[in-house]
N, C-alpha and C. Protein backbone atom coordinates (compact mmCIF):
# COMPACT_ATOMS: atom_id res chain seq x y z
N MET A 1 -18.66 3.03 -40.09
CA MET A 1 -18.26 2.51 -41.40
C MET A 1 -19.02 1.22 -41.70
N ILE A 2 -19.66 1.16 -42.87
CA ILE A 2 -20.41 -0.02 -43.27
C ILE A 2 -19.48 -0.95 -44.05
N GLY A 3 -19.23 -2.15 -43.53
CA GLY A 3 -18.33 -3.09 -44.20
C GLY A 3 -19.01 -3.83 -45.33
N PHE A 4 -20.23 -4.31 -45.07
CA PHE A 4 -21.01 -4.98 -46.11
C PHE A 4 -22.49 -4.90 -45.76
N LEU A 5 -23.32 -5.13 -46.74
CA LEU A 5 -24.77 -5.20 -46.55
C LEU A 5 -25.27 -6.52 -47.11
N GLU A 6 -26.18 -7.16 -46.39
CA GLU A 6 -26.75 -8.42 -46.86
C GLU A 6 -28.27 -8.29 -46.85
N GLY A 7 -28.88 -8.55 -47.96
CA GLY A 7 -30.33 -8.43 -48.04
C GLY A 7 -30.85 -8.84 -49.40
N GLU A 8 -32.05 -8.35 -49.74
CA GLU A 8 -32.69 -8.72 -51.01
C GLU A 8 -32.50 -7.62 -52.04
N VAL A 9 -32.27 -8.05 -53.27
CA VAL A 9 -32.20 -7.10 -54.38
C VAL A 9 -33.61 -6.57 -54.63
N ALA A 10 -33.78 -5.26 -54.42
CA ALA A 10 -35.12 -4.67 -54.56
C ALA A 10 -35.31 -4.00 -55.92
N GLY A 11 -34.26 -3.85 -56.67
CA GLY A 11 -34.38 -3.22 -57.98
C GLY A 11 -33.01 -2.84 -58.51
N ARG A 12 -33.00 -2.40 -59.78
CA ARG A 12 -31.76 -1.99 -60.44
C ARG A 12 -32.02 -0.72 -61.22
N ASP A 13 -30.96 0.04 -61.44
CA ASP A 13 -31.06 1.13 -62.39
C ASP A 13 -29.75 1.16 -63.17
N GLU A 14 -29.54 2.18 -63.97
CA GLU A 14 -28.40 2.20 -64.88
C GLU A 14 -27.06 2.15 -64.15
N GLY A 15 -27.00 2.76 -62.99
CA GLY A 15 -25.70 2.85 -62.30
C GLY A 15 -25.53 1.94 -61.11
N GLY A 16 -26.52 1.12 -60.79
CA GLY A 16 -26.37 0.28 -59.61
C GLY A 16 -27.63 -0.45 -59.25
N CYS A 17 -27.84 -0.64 -57.94
CA CYS A 17 -28.99 -1.41 -57.49
C CYS A 17 -29.52 -0.87 -56.16
N PHE A 18 -30.70 -1.37 -55.80
CA PHE A 18 -31.29 -1.08 -54.49
C PHE A 18 -31.29 -2.38 -53.70
N LEU A 19 -30.80 -2.30 -52.47
CA LEU A 19 -30.74 -3.48 -51.62
C LEU A 19 -31.59 -3.24 -50.39
N GLN A 20 -32.54 -4.13 -50.14
CA GLN A 20 -33.41 -4.00 -48.96
C GLN A 20 -32.82 -4.79 -47.81
N VAL A 21 -32.50 -4.08 -46.73
CA VAL A 21 -31.90 -4.70 -45.55
C VAL A 21 -32.72 -4.29 -44.34
N GLY A 22 -33.42 -5.24 -43.74
CA GLY A 22 -34.20 -4.95 -42.54
C GLY A 22 -35.20 -3.82 -42.73
N GLY A 23 -35.87 -3.79 -43.86
CA GLY A 23 -36.89 -2.78 -44.10
C GLY A 23 -36.35 -1.45 -44.62
N VAL A 24 -35.04 -1.34 -44.77
CA VAL A 24 -34.42 -0.12 -45.29
C VAL A 24 -33.86 -0.40 -46.68
N GLY A 25 -34.13 0.48 -47.62
CA GLY A 25 -33.61 0.32 -48.98
C GLY A 25 -32.36 1.15 -49.18
N TYR A 26 -31.25 0.51 -49.49
CA TYR A 26 -29.99 1.20 -49.73
C TYR A 26 -29.75 1.30 -51.24
N ARG A 27 -29.37 2.49 -51.68
CA ARG A 27 -29.00 2.69 -53.09
C ARG A 27 -27.49 2.54 -53.20
N LEU A 28 -27.03 1.60 -54.01
CA LEU A 28 -25.60 1.35 -54.17
C LEU A 28 -25.19 1.54 -55.63
N SER A 29 -24.12 2.28 -55.83
CA SER A 29 -23.52 2.38 -57.16
C SER A 29 -22.63 1.16 -57.35
N CYS A 30 -22.76 0.50 -58.51
CA CYS A 30 -22.04 -0.76 -58.73
C CYS A 30 -21.37 -0.77 -60.10
N SER A 31 -20.32 -1.55 -60.21
CA SER A 31 -19.66 -1.76 -61.50
C SER A 31 -20.47 -2.74 -62.32
N SER A 32 -20.17 -2.81 -63.60
CA SER A 32 -20.83 -3.80 -64.47
C SER A 32 -20.51 -5.21 -64.01
N THR A 33 -19.30 -5.40 -63.48
CA THR A 33 -18.89 -6.72 -62.97
C THR A 33 -19.81 -7.18 -61.84
N THR A 34 -20.10 -6.28 -60.90
CA THR A 34 -20.99 -6.62 -59.78
C THR A 34 -22.42 -6.78 -60.27
N MET A 35 -22.86 -5.92 -61.18
CA MET A 35 -24.24 -6.01 -61.68
C MET A 35 -24.51 -7.36 -62.33
N ARG A 36 -23.52 -7.88 -63.05
CA ARG A 36 -23.70 -9.20 -63.69
C ARG A 36 -23.78 -10.31 -62.66
N ALA A 37 -23.18 -10.10 -61.49
CA ALA A 37 -23.16 -11.15 -60.45
C ALA A 37 -24.41 -11.12 -59.57
N LEU A 38 -25.24 -10.07 -59.69
CA LEU A 38 -26.42 -9.97 -58.82
C LEU A 38 -27.49 -10.99 -59.20
N PRO A 39 -28.20 -11.52 -58.20
CA PRO A 39 -29.34 -12.39 -58.50
C PRO A 39 -30.52 -11.56 -58.98
N PRO A 40 -31.58 -12.20 -59.48
CA PRO A 40 -32.77 -11.45 -59.90
C PRO A 40 -33.41 -10.74 -58.70
N ALA A 41 -34.32 -9.82 -58.97
CA ALA A 41 -35.04 -9.11 -57.90
C ALA A 41 -35.65 -10.10 -56.93
N GLY A 42 -35.50 -9.84 -55.64
CA GLY A 42 -36.00 -10.74 -54.61
C GLY A 42 -34.95 -11.71 -54.11
N GLY A 43 -33.87 -11.88 -54.86
CA GLY A 43 -32.79 -12.77 -54.45
C GLY A 43 -31.93 -12.13 -53.38
N ARG A 44 -31.35 -12.96 -52.53
CA ARG A 44 -30.50 -12.44 -51.45
C ARG A 44 -29.05 -12.37 -51.92
N VAL A 45 -28.36 -11.34 -51.43
CA VAL A 45 -26.97 -11.14 -51.82
C VAL A 45 -26.24 -10.38 -50.72
N ARG A 46 -24.94 -10.59 -50.64
CA ARG A 46 -24.09 -9.78 -49.75
C ARG A 46 -23.20 -8.91 -50.64
N LEU A 47 -23.23 -7.61 -50.39
CA LEU A 47 -22.39 -6.69 -51.14
C LEU A 47 -21.42 -5.98 -50.18
N TRP A 48 -20.14 -6.02 -50.51
CA TRP A 48 -19.12 -5.30 -49.76
C TRP A 48 -19.20 -3.84 -50.17
N THR A 49 -18.98 -2.94 -49.25
CA THR A 49 -19.29 -1.54 -49.53
C THR A 49 -18.11 -0.60 -49.30
N HIS A 50 -18.25 0.56 -49.93
CA HIS A 50 -17.32 1.68 -49.72
C HIS A 50 -18.17 2.94 -49.70
N LEU A 51 -18.05 3.74 -48.64
CA LEU A 51 -18.79 4.99 -48.52
C LEU A 51 -17.89 6.14 -48.94
N HIS A 52 -18.31 6.85 -49.98
CA HIS A 52 -17.55 8.01 -50.45
C HIS A 52 -18.26 9.29 -49.98
N VAL A 53 -17.53 10.13 -49.28
CA VAL A 53 -18.10 11.35 -48.71
C VAL A 53 -17.69 12.54 -49.56
N ARG A 54 -18.71 13.25 -50.10
CA ARG A 54 -18.47 14.50 -50.82
C ARG A 54 -19.12 15.62 -50.05
N GLU A 55 -18.80 16.84 -50.44
CA GLU A 55 -19.39 17.99 -49.76
C GLU A 55 -20.91 18.00 -49.89
N ASP A 56 -21.40 17.54 -51.04
CA ASP A 56 -22.83 17.65 -51.31
C ASP A 56 -23.58 16.32 -51.26
N ALA A 57 -22.87 15.21 -50.99
CA ALA A 57 -23.56 13.91 -51.01
C ALA A 57 -22.73 12.82 -50.35
N LEU A 58 -23.43 11.78 -49.91
CA LEU A 58 -22.80 10.54 -49.46
C LEU A 58 -23.16 9.48 -50.50
N VAL A 59 -22.15 8.84 -51.09
CA VAL A 59 -22.39 7.84 -52.13
C VAL A 59 -21.88 6.50 -51.64
N LEU A 60 -22.77 5.49 -51.67
CA LEU A 60 -22.42 4.15 -51.22
C LEU A 60 -22.16 3.27 -52.44
N TYR A 61 -21.00 2.65 -52.48
CA TYR A 61 -20.63 1.76 -53.58
C TYR A 61 -20.71 0.32 -53.10
N GLY A 62 -21.20 -0.57 -53.96
CA GLY A 62 -21.34 -1.97 -53.61
C GLY A 62 -20.57 -2.88 -54.55
N PHE A 63 -20.00 -3.95 -53.99
CA PHE A 63 -19.16 -4.87 -54.76
C PHE A 63 -19.51 -6.31 -54.41
N SER A 64 -19.50 -7.16 -55.42
CA SER A 64 -19.89 -8.55 -55.19
C SER A 64 -18.81 -9.35 -54.48
N THR A 65 -17.55 -8.87 -54.51
CA THR A 65 -16.46 -9.57 -53.84
C THR A 65 -15.58 -8.59 -53.07
N GLU A 66 -14.91 -9.09 -52.06
CA GLU A 66 -13.96 -8.27 -51.32
C GLU A 66 -12.78 -7.85 -52.21
N ALA A 67 -12.44 -8.72 -53.17
CA ALA A 67 -11.32 -8.42 -54.07
C ALA A 67 -11.62 -7.17 -54.89
N GLU A 68 -12.85 -7.06 -55.40
CA GLU A 68 -13.21 -5.89 -56.20
C GLU A 68 -13.25 -4.64 -55.31
N GLN A 69 -13.79 -4.78 -54.10
CA GLN A 69 -13.83 -3.66 -53.17
C GLN A 69 -12.42 -3.17 -52.88
N SER A 70 -11.49 -4.10 -52.63
CA SER A 70 -10.12 -3.74 -52.31
C SER A 70 -9.45 -3.00 -53.46
N LEU A 71 -9.66 -3.47 -54.70
CA LEU A 71 -9.06 -2.81 -55.85
C LEU A 71 -9.66 -1.42 -56.05
N PHE A 72 -10.98 -1.29 -55.87
CA PHE A 72 -11.63 0.02 -55.98
C PHE A 72 -11.02 0.99 -54.97
N GLU A 73 -10.87 0.55 -53.73
CA GLU A 73 -10.33 1.42 -52.68
C GLU A 73 -8.87 1.77 -52.95
N GLY A 74 -8.14 0.86 -53.59
CA GLY A 74 -6.78 1.19 -54.00
C GLY A 74 -6.76 2.22 -55.11
N LEU A 75 -7.66 2.06 -56.07
CA LEU A 75 -7.71 2.97 -57.21
C LEU A 75 -8.02 4.41 -56.79
N VAL A 76 -8.94 4.58 -55.85
CA VAL A 76 -9.32 5.95 -55.48
C VAL A 76 -8.24 6.66 -54.68
N THR A 77 -7.19 5.94 -54.26
CA THR A 77 -6.07 6.60 -53.58
C THR A 77 -5.06 7.15 -54.58
N VAL A 78 -5.18 6.77 -55.85
CA VAL A 78 -4.25 7.22 -56.88
C VAL A 78 -4.61 8.65 -57.29
N SER A 79 -3.61 9.50 -57.35
CA SER A 79 -3.84 10.89 -57.74
C SER A 79 -4.48 10.97 -59.12
N GLY A 80 -5.57 11.71 -59.22
CA GLY A 80 -6.26 11.87 -60.50
C GLY A 80 -7.33 10.83 -60.77
N VAL A 81 -7.50 9.88 -59.85
CA VAL A 81 -8.51 8.83 -60.03
C VAL A 81 -9.60 8.99 -58.97
N GLY A 82 -10.80 9.35 -59.38
CA GLY A 82 -11.92 9.46 -58.47
C GLY A 82 -12.78 8.22 -58.54
N PRO A 83 -13.86 8.18 -57.76
CA PRO A 83 -14.74 7.00 -57.73
C PRO A 83 -15.33 6.64 -59.10
N LYS A 84 -15.67 7.66 -59.90
CA LYS A 84 -16.27 7.39 -61.21
C LYS A 84 -15.30 6.63 -62.11
N VAL A 85 -14.05 7.09 -62.14
CA VAL A 85 -13.03 6.42 -62.96
C VAL A 85 -12.70 5.04 -62.38
N ALA A 86 -12.60 4.95 -61.05
CA ALA A 86 -12.31 3.67 -60.41
C ALA A 86 -13.40 2.64 -60.73
N LEU A 87 -14.65 3.09 -60.74
CA LEU A 87 -15.76 2.18 -61.06
C LEU A 87 -15.69 1.76 -62.53
N ALA A 88 -15.26 2.67 -63.41
CA ALA A 88 -15.11 2.33 -64.82
C ALA A 88 -14.04 1.26 -65.01
N VAL A 89 -12.95 1.35 -64.22
CA VAL A 89 -11.90 0.34 -64.28
C VAL A 89 -12.43 -1.01 -63.82
N CYS A 90 -13.17 -1.01 -62.71
CA CYS A 90 -13.74 -2.26 -62.19
C CYS A 90 -14.79 -2.84 -63.15
N SER A 91 -15.46 -1.97 -63.89
CA SER A 91 -16.44 -2.44 -64.88
C SER A 91 -15.76 -3.07 -66.08
N ALA A 92 -14.61 -2.52 -66.44
CA ALA A 92 -13.90 -3.00 -67.63
C ALA A 92 -13.16 -4.31 -67.38
N HIS A 93 -12.69 -4.51 -66.13
CA HIS A 93 -11.86 -5.68 -65.84
C HIS A 93 -12.23 -6.29 -64.49
N ALA A 94 -12.47 -7.59 -64.48
CA ALA A 94 -12.70 -8.31 -63.22
C ALA A 94 -11.42 -8.27 -62.39
N PRO A 95 -11.51 -8.48 -61.07
CA PRO A 95 -10.32 -8.36 -60.21
C PRO A 95 -9.10 -9.15 -60.66
N ASP A 96 -9.28 -10.42 -61.05
CA ASP A 96 -8.12 -11.22 -61.46
C ASP A 96 -7.47 -10.64 -62.71
N ALA A 97 -8.30 -10.21 -63.67
CA ALA A 97 -7.76 -9.62 -64.90
C ALA A 97 -7.04 -8.31 -64.60
N LEU A 98 -7.61 -7.51 -63.69
CA LEU A 98 -6.99 -6.23 -63.34
C LEU A 98 -5.65 -6.44 -62.64
N ARG A 99 -5.57 -7.45 -61.78
CA ARG A 99 -4.30 -7.74 -61.12
C ARG A 99 -3.24 -8.16 -62.14
N ARG A 100 -3.64 -8.93 -63.16
CA ARG A 100 -2.69 -9.31 -64.21
C ARG A 100 -2.21 -8.08 -64.98
N ILE A 101 -3.15 -7.17 -65.26
CA ILE A 101 -2.80 -5.94 -65.97
C ILE A 101 -1.79 -5.12 -65.16
N LEU A 102 -2.02 -5.02 -63.86
CA LEU A 102 -1.11 -4.27 -62.99
C LEU A 102 0.25 -4.96 -62.89
N ALA A 103 0.23 -6.28 -62.75
CA ALA A 103 1.48 -7.04 -62.58
C ALA A 103 2.35 -6.96 -63.83
N THR A 104 1.72 -6.95 -65.01
CA THR A 104 2.49 -6.90 -66.26
C THR A 104 2.69 -5.48 -66.75
N GLY A 105 2.07 -4.51 -66.06
CA GLY A 105 2.22 -3.12 -66.47
C GLY A 105 1.58 -2.83 -67.81
N ASP A 106 0.44 -3.44 -68.06
CA ASP A 106 -0.24 -3.29 -69.35
C ASP A 106 -0.98 -1.95 -69.41
N ILE A 107 -0.22 -0.90 -69.68
CA ILE A 107 -0.79 0.45 -69.70
C ILE A 107 -1.80 0.61 -70.83
N ALA A 108 -1.57 -0.08 -71.94
CA ALA A 108 -2.48 0.03 -73.09
C ALA A 108 -3.90 -0.39 -72.72
N SER A 109 -4.04 -1.47 -71.94
CA SER A 109 -5.38 -1.93 -71.54
C SER A 109 -6.06 -0.93 -70.63
N LEU A 110 -5.30 -0.31 -69.71
CA LEU A 110 -5.89 0.67 -68.81
C LEU A 110 -6.26 1.95 -69.54
N SER A 111 -5.38 2.41 -70.43
CA SER A 111 -5.65 3.67 -71.12
C SER A 111 -6.75 3.55 -72.16
N ALA A 112 -7.17 2.33 -72.46
CA ALA A 112 -8.30 2.13 -73.38
C ALA A 112 -9.64 2.39 -72.68
N ILE A 113 -9.63 2.48 -71.35
CA ILE A 113 -10.86 2.74 -70.58
C ILE A 113 -11.18 4.22 -70.66
N PRO A 114 -12.43 4.58 -70.98
CA PRO A 114 -12.80 6.01 -71.07
C PRO A 114 -12.46 6.75 -69.78
N GLY A 115 -11.84 7.92 -69.93
CA GLY A 115 -11.49 8.73 -68.77
C GLY A 115 -10.08 8.51 -68.26
N ILE A 116 -9.34 7.55 -68.86
CA ILE A 116 -7.98 7.26 -68.42
C ILE A 116 -7.01 7.46 -69.58
N GLY A 117 -6.07 8.39 -69.40
CA GLY A 117 -5.02 8.59 -70.40
C GLY A 117 -3.80 7.77 -70.03
N LYS A 118 -2.76 7.89 -70.87
CA LYS A 118 -1.55 7.09 -70.64
C LYS A 118 -0.86 7.46 -69.33
N LYS A 119 -0.83 8.75 -69.01
CA LYS A 119 -0.14 9.17 -67.78
C LYS A 119 -0.87 8.66 -66.54
N THR A 120 -2.21 8.74 -66.56
CA THR A 120 -2.98 8.22 -65.42
C THR A 120 -2.82 6.72 -65.32
N ALA A 121 -2.83 6.03 -66.46
CA ALA A 121 -2.65 4.57 -66.47
C ALA A 121 -1.29 4.20 -65.88
N ALA A 122 -0.24 4.94 -66.26
CA ALA A 122 1.09 4.66 -65.72
C ALA A 122 1.14 4.90 -64.22
N ARG A 123 0.45 5.96 -63.76
CA ARG A 123 0.41 6.27 -62.33
C ARG A 123 -0.32 5.15 -61.57
N ILE A 124 -1.41 4.65 -62.13
CA ILE A 124 -2.15 3.55 -61.50
C ILE A 124 -1.25 2.33 -61.33
N VAL A 125 -0.53 1.99 -62.40
CA VAL A 125 0.36 0.82 -62.34
C VAL A 125 1.44 1.01 -61.29
N LEU A 126 2.09 2.16 -61.31
CA LEU A 126 3.18 2.40 -60.36
C LEU A 126 2.70 2.38 -58.92
N ASP A 127 1.57 3.04 -58.67
CA ASP A 127 1.05 3.12 -57.30
C ASP A 127 0.52 1.78 -56.80
N LEU A 128 -0.31 1.13 -57.59
CA LEU A 128 -0.99 -0.08 -57.10
C LEU A 128 -0.11 -1.31 -57.10
N LYS A 129 0.85 -1.37 -58.01
CA LYS A 129 1.76 -2.52 -57.99
C LYS A 129 2.47 -2.60 -56.64
N GLU A 130 2.87 -1.44 -56.13
CA GLU A 130 3.56 -1.39 -54.84
C GLU A 130 2.59 -1.67 -53.68
N LYS A 131 1.43 -1.02 -53.71
CA LYS A 131 0.46 -1.18 -52.62
C LYS A 131 -0.06 -2.61 -52.52
N LEU A 132 -0.24 -3.26 -53.67
CA LEU A 132 -0.79 -4.61 -53.68
C LEU A 132 0.30 -5.67 -53.65
N ALA A 133 1.57 -5.24 -53.52
CA ALA A 133 2.71 -6.17 -53.45
C ALA A 133 2.72 -7.12 -54.64
N LEU A 134 2.49 -6.55 -55.84
CA LEU A 134 2.54 -7.36 -57.05
C LEU A 134 3.98 -7.45 -57.53
N PRO A 135 4.30 -8.45 -58.36
CA PRO A 135 5.68 -8.60 -58.83
C PRO A 135 6.17 -7.36 -59.54
N GLY A 136 7.46 -7.05 -59.39
CA GLY A 136 8.03 -5.87 -60.02
C GLY A 136 8.41 -6.11 -61.45
N LEU A 137 7.45 -6.45 -62.30
CA LEU A 137 7.72 -6.72 -63.71
C LEU A 137 7.86 -5.41 -64.48
N GLU A 138 8.32 -5.54 -65.72
CA GLU A 138 8.45 -4.36 -66.56
C GLU A 138 7.07 -3.82 -66.91
N ILE A 139 7.00 -2.52 -67.13
CA ILE A 139 5.75 -1.88 -67.53
C ILE A 139 5.70 -1.84 -69.05
N VAL A 140 4.56 -2.16 -69.62
CA VAL A 140 4.41 -2.21 -71.07
C VAL A 140 3.71 -0.93 -71.52
N LEU A 141 4.33 -0.22 -72.44
CA LEU A 141 3.75 1.00 -72.97
C LEU A 141 3.64 0.85 -74.47
N ASP A 142 2.40 0.75 -74.97
CA ASP A 142 2.17 0.55 -76.40
C ASP A 142 2.94 -0.66 -76.92
N GLY A 143 2.96 -1.72 -76.12
CA GLY A 143 3.62 -2.94 -76.56
C GLY A 143 5.12 -2.96 -76.33
N GLU A 144 5.72 -1.84 -75.92
CA GLU A 144 7.16 -1.79 -75.70
C GLU A 144 7.45 -1.91 -74.20
N HIS A 145 8.48 -2.67 -73.86
CA HIS A 145 8.83 -2.82 -72.45
C HIS A 145 9.68 -1.63 -71.99
N VAL A 146 9.23 -0.96 -70.95
CA VAL A 146 9.97 0.17 -70.38
C VAL A 146 10.34 -0.22 -68.96
N HIS A 147 11.61 -0.05 -68.61
CA HIS A 147 12.11 -0.58 -67.34
C HIS A 147 11.82 0.38 -66.18
N LEU A 148 10.56 0.77 -66.04
CA LEU A 148 10.23 1.76 -65.02
C LEU A 148 10.37 1.22 -63.60
N ALA A 149 10.03 -0.04 -63.40
CA ALA A 149 10.11 -0.60 -62.04
C ALA A 149 11.55 -0.59 -61.53
N ARG A 150 12.48 -1.00 -62.40
CA ARG A 150 13.89 -1.01 -62.00
C ARG A 150 14.41 0.41 -61.84
N ALA A 151 13.98 1.30 -62.71
CA ALA A 151 14.40 2.70 -62.61
C ALA A 151 13.91 3.30 -61.30
N ARG A 152 12.67 2.97 -60.92
CA ARG A 152 12.12 3.50 -59.67
C ARG A 152 12.98 3.07 -58.48
N SER A 153 13.36 1.80 -58.46
CA SER A 153 14.18 1.29 -57.37
C SER A 153 15.53 2.02 -57.33
N ALA A 154 16.15 2.23 -58.50
CA ALA A 154 17.44 2.90 -58.55
C ALA A 154 17.34 4.34 -58.04
N LEU A 155 16.28 5.04 -58.43
CA LEU A 155 16.11 6.43 -58.00
C LEU A 155 15.87 6.52 -56.49
N GLU A 156 15.08 5.58 -55.96
CA GLU A 156 14.84 5.59 -54.50
C GLU A 156 16.12 5.30 -53.75
N ASN A 157 16.97 4.43 -54.32
CA ASN A 157 18.26 4.14 -53.69
C ASN A 157 19.19 5.35 -53.69
N LEU A 158 18.94 6.28 -54.62
CA LEU A 158 19.73 7.51 -54.68
C LEU A 158 19.23 8.56 -53.70
N GLY A 159 18.14 8.24 -52.99
CA GLY A 159 17.68 9.14 -51.93
C GLY A 159 16.44 9.95 -52.26
N TYR A 160 15.86 9.76 -53.45
CA TYR A 160 14.62 10.48 -53.79
C TYR A 160 13.44 9.79 -53.11
N SER A 161 12.45 10.60 -52.73
CA SER A 161 11.29 10.03 -52.05
C SER A 161 10.42 9.24 -53.03
N THR A 162 9.61 8.32 -52.48
CA THR A 162 8.71 7.52 -53.30
C THR A 162 7.76 8.41 -54.08
N ALA A 163 7.26 9.47 -53.42
CA ALA A 163 6.31 10.37 -54.09
C ALA A 163 6.97 11.09 -55.26
N GLU A 164 8.22 11.59 -55.06
CA GLU A 164 8.93 12.27 -56.14
C GLU A 164 9.16 11.34 -57.32
N VAL A 165 9.58 10.11 -57.01
CA VAL A 165 9.89 9.15 -58.07
C VAL A 165 8.64 8.78 -58.85
N ARG A 166 7.55 8.50 -58.13
CA ARG A 166 6.29 8.16 -58.82
C ARG A 166 5.88 9.27 -59.76
N SER A 167 5.95 10.50 -59.26
CA SER A 167 5.50 11.64 -60.04
C SER A 167 6.31 11.81 -61.32
N VAL A 168 7.63 11.73 -61.19
CA VAL A 168 8.48 11.97 -62.36
C VAL A 168 8.39 10.83 -63.37
N LEU A 169 8.31 9.59 -62.89
CA LEU A 169 8.21 8.45 -63.82
C LEU A 169 6.87 8.45 -64.55
N ALA A 170 5.81 8.88 -63.88
CA ALA A 170 4.50 8.92 -64.54
C ALA A 170 4.48 9.93 -65.67
N GLY A 171 5.36 10.96 -65.59
CA GLY A 171 5.38 11.99 -66.61
C GLY A 171 6.36 11.75 -67.74
N LEU A 172 7.19 10.70 -67.63
CA LEU A 172 8.18 10.42 -68.66
C LEU A 172 7.56 9.71 -69.86
N GLU A 173 8.12 9.97 -71.02
CA GLU A 173 7.72 9.25 -72.23
C GLU A 173 8.98 8.72 -72.90
N PRO A 174 9.56 7.63 -72.36
CA PRO A 174 10.82 7.11 -72.89
C PRO A 174 10.66 6.56 -74.29
N ALA A 175 11.77 6.56 -75.04
CA ALA A 175 11.77 5.94 -76.36
C ALA A 175 11.68 4.43 -76.20
N ALA A 176 11.21 3.77 -77.25
CA ALA A 176 10.98 2.33 -77.18
C ALA A 176 12.24 1.55 -76.86
N ASP A 177 13.42 2.06 -77.33
CA ASP A 177 14.65 1.31 -77.11
C ASP A 177 15.43 1.78 -75.89
N ASP A 178 14.85 2.66 -75.09
CA ASP A 178 15.52 3.12 -73.86
C ASP A 178 15.61 1.98 -72.85
N GLY A 179 16.79 1.82 -72.27
CA GLY A 179 16.97 0.85 -71.20
C GLY A 179 16.84 1.53 -69.85
N VAL A 180 17.18 0.80 -68.79
CA VAL A 180 17.06 1.34 -67.43
C VAL A 180 17.91 2.59 -67.26
N GLU A 181 19.15 2.56 -67.78
CA GLU A 181 20.05 3.69 -67.60
C GLU A 181 19.49 4.97 -68.23
N GLU A 182 18.94 4.84 -69.44
CA GLU A 182 18.37 6.02 -70.12
C GLU A 182 17.18 6.57 -69.35
N VAL A 183 16.32 5.68 -68.84
CA VAL A 183 15.15 6.11 -68.08
C VAL A 183 15.60 6.84 -66.81
N VAL A 184 16.61 6.28 -66.12
CA VAL A 184 17.12 6.90 -64.89
C VAL A 184 17.70 8.28 -65.19
N ARG A 185 18.49 8.39 -66.28
CA ARG A 185 19.07 9.69 -66.63
C ARG A 185 17.98 10.73 -66.91
N SER A 186 16.97 10.33 -67.67
CA SER A 186 15.86 11.25 -67.97
C SER A 186 15.14 11.67 -66.70
N ALA A 187 14.93 10.70 -65.80
CA ALA A 187 14.24 10.99 -64.53
C ALA A 187 15.07 11.94 -63.68
N LEU A 188 16.39 11.73 -63.63
CA LEU A 188 17.26 12.60 -62.83
C LEU A 188 17.23 14.04 -63.35
N ARG A 189 17.22 14.19 -64.68
CA ARG A 189 17.12 15.54 -65.25
C ARG A 189 15.80 16.20 -64.84
N ALA A 190 14.70 15.43 -64.92
CA ALA A 190 13.39 15.97 -64.56
C ALA A 190 13.32 16.31 -63.08
N LEU A 191 13.90 15.45 -62.24
CA LEU A 191 13.89 15.70 -60.80
C LEU A 191 14.70 16.95 -60.45
N ALA A 192 15.86 17.10 -61.11
CA ALA A 192 16.69 18.28 -60.86
C ALA A 192 15.95 19.55 -61.28
N GLU A 193 15.24 19.46 -62.42
CA GLU A 193 14.48 20.63 -62.87
C GLU A 193 13.37 20.98 -61.90
N GLU A 194 12.67 19.95 -61.37
CA GLU A 194 11.59 20.19 -60.40
C GLU A 194 12.13 20.83 -59.13
N ARG A 195 13.29 20.38 -58.67
CA ARG A 195 13.86 20.94 -57.44
C ARG A 195 14.34 22.38 -57.65
N ARG A 196 14.79 22.70 -58.87
CA ARG A 196 15.18 24.08 -59.16
C ARG A 196 13.97 25.00 -59.15
N ARG A 197 12.85 24.51 -59.66
CA ARG A 197 11.63 25.31 -59.70
C ARG A 197 11.00 25.49 -58.32
N ALA A 198 11.25 24.52 -57.41
CA ALA A 198 10.62 24.55 -56.09
C ALA A 198 11.16 25.70 -55.24
């Protein structure tokens, strides 16, 4: 596993850069955030890396900070989010801004990124807020506060698994004036229906 590469910027292309390390040129896919942080050709830089293994290729991703690398690796663990979408998220928002978006549950900002719909944005918030130990604030959907974080806790206390709860909450579309109780009732109906179908 390659943790980071340190060397000279040997060139750039539309999707990333070439880094020369000890006479070897590495092709790295990078976000716009990392590309803006790179020095000119010939300048030295350290890039934190993530190796993505596909059946037909090995793709190396490079990041200017460990924070961006960590968020990218968190994003690709979310169901429905692959490296291409994760890189688009990192391109749209620097790590600090993305953490604020996750902490406040700003689904509108995430769903504005090409390739991400509202359901995927909600799943990203639910999954990463927990993994990154961010505050359990309310999730914002189209400017309306939806008490999904509290509803999730209530459902887990009732004995539903984290995976079941995440899945059902990501698929809900509560009304703007729904409180925690309404969200929990809707989720319980959906969970009961899923268990009947199973």
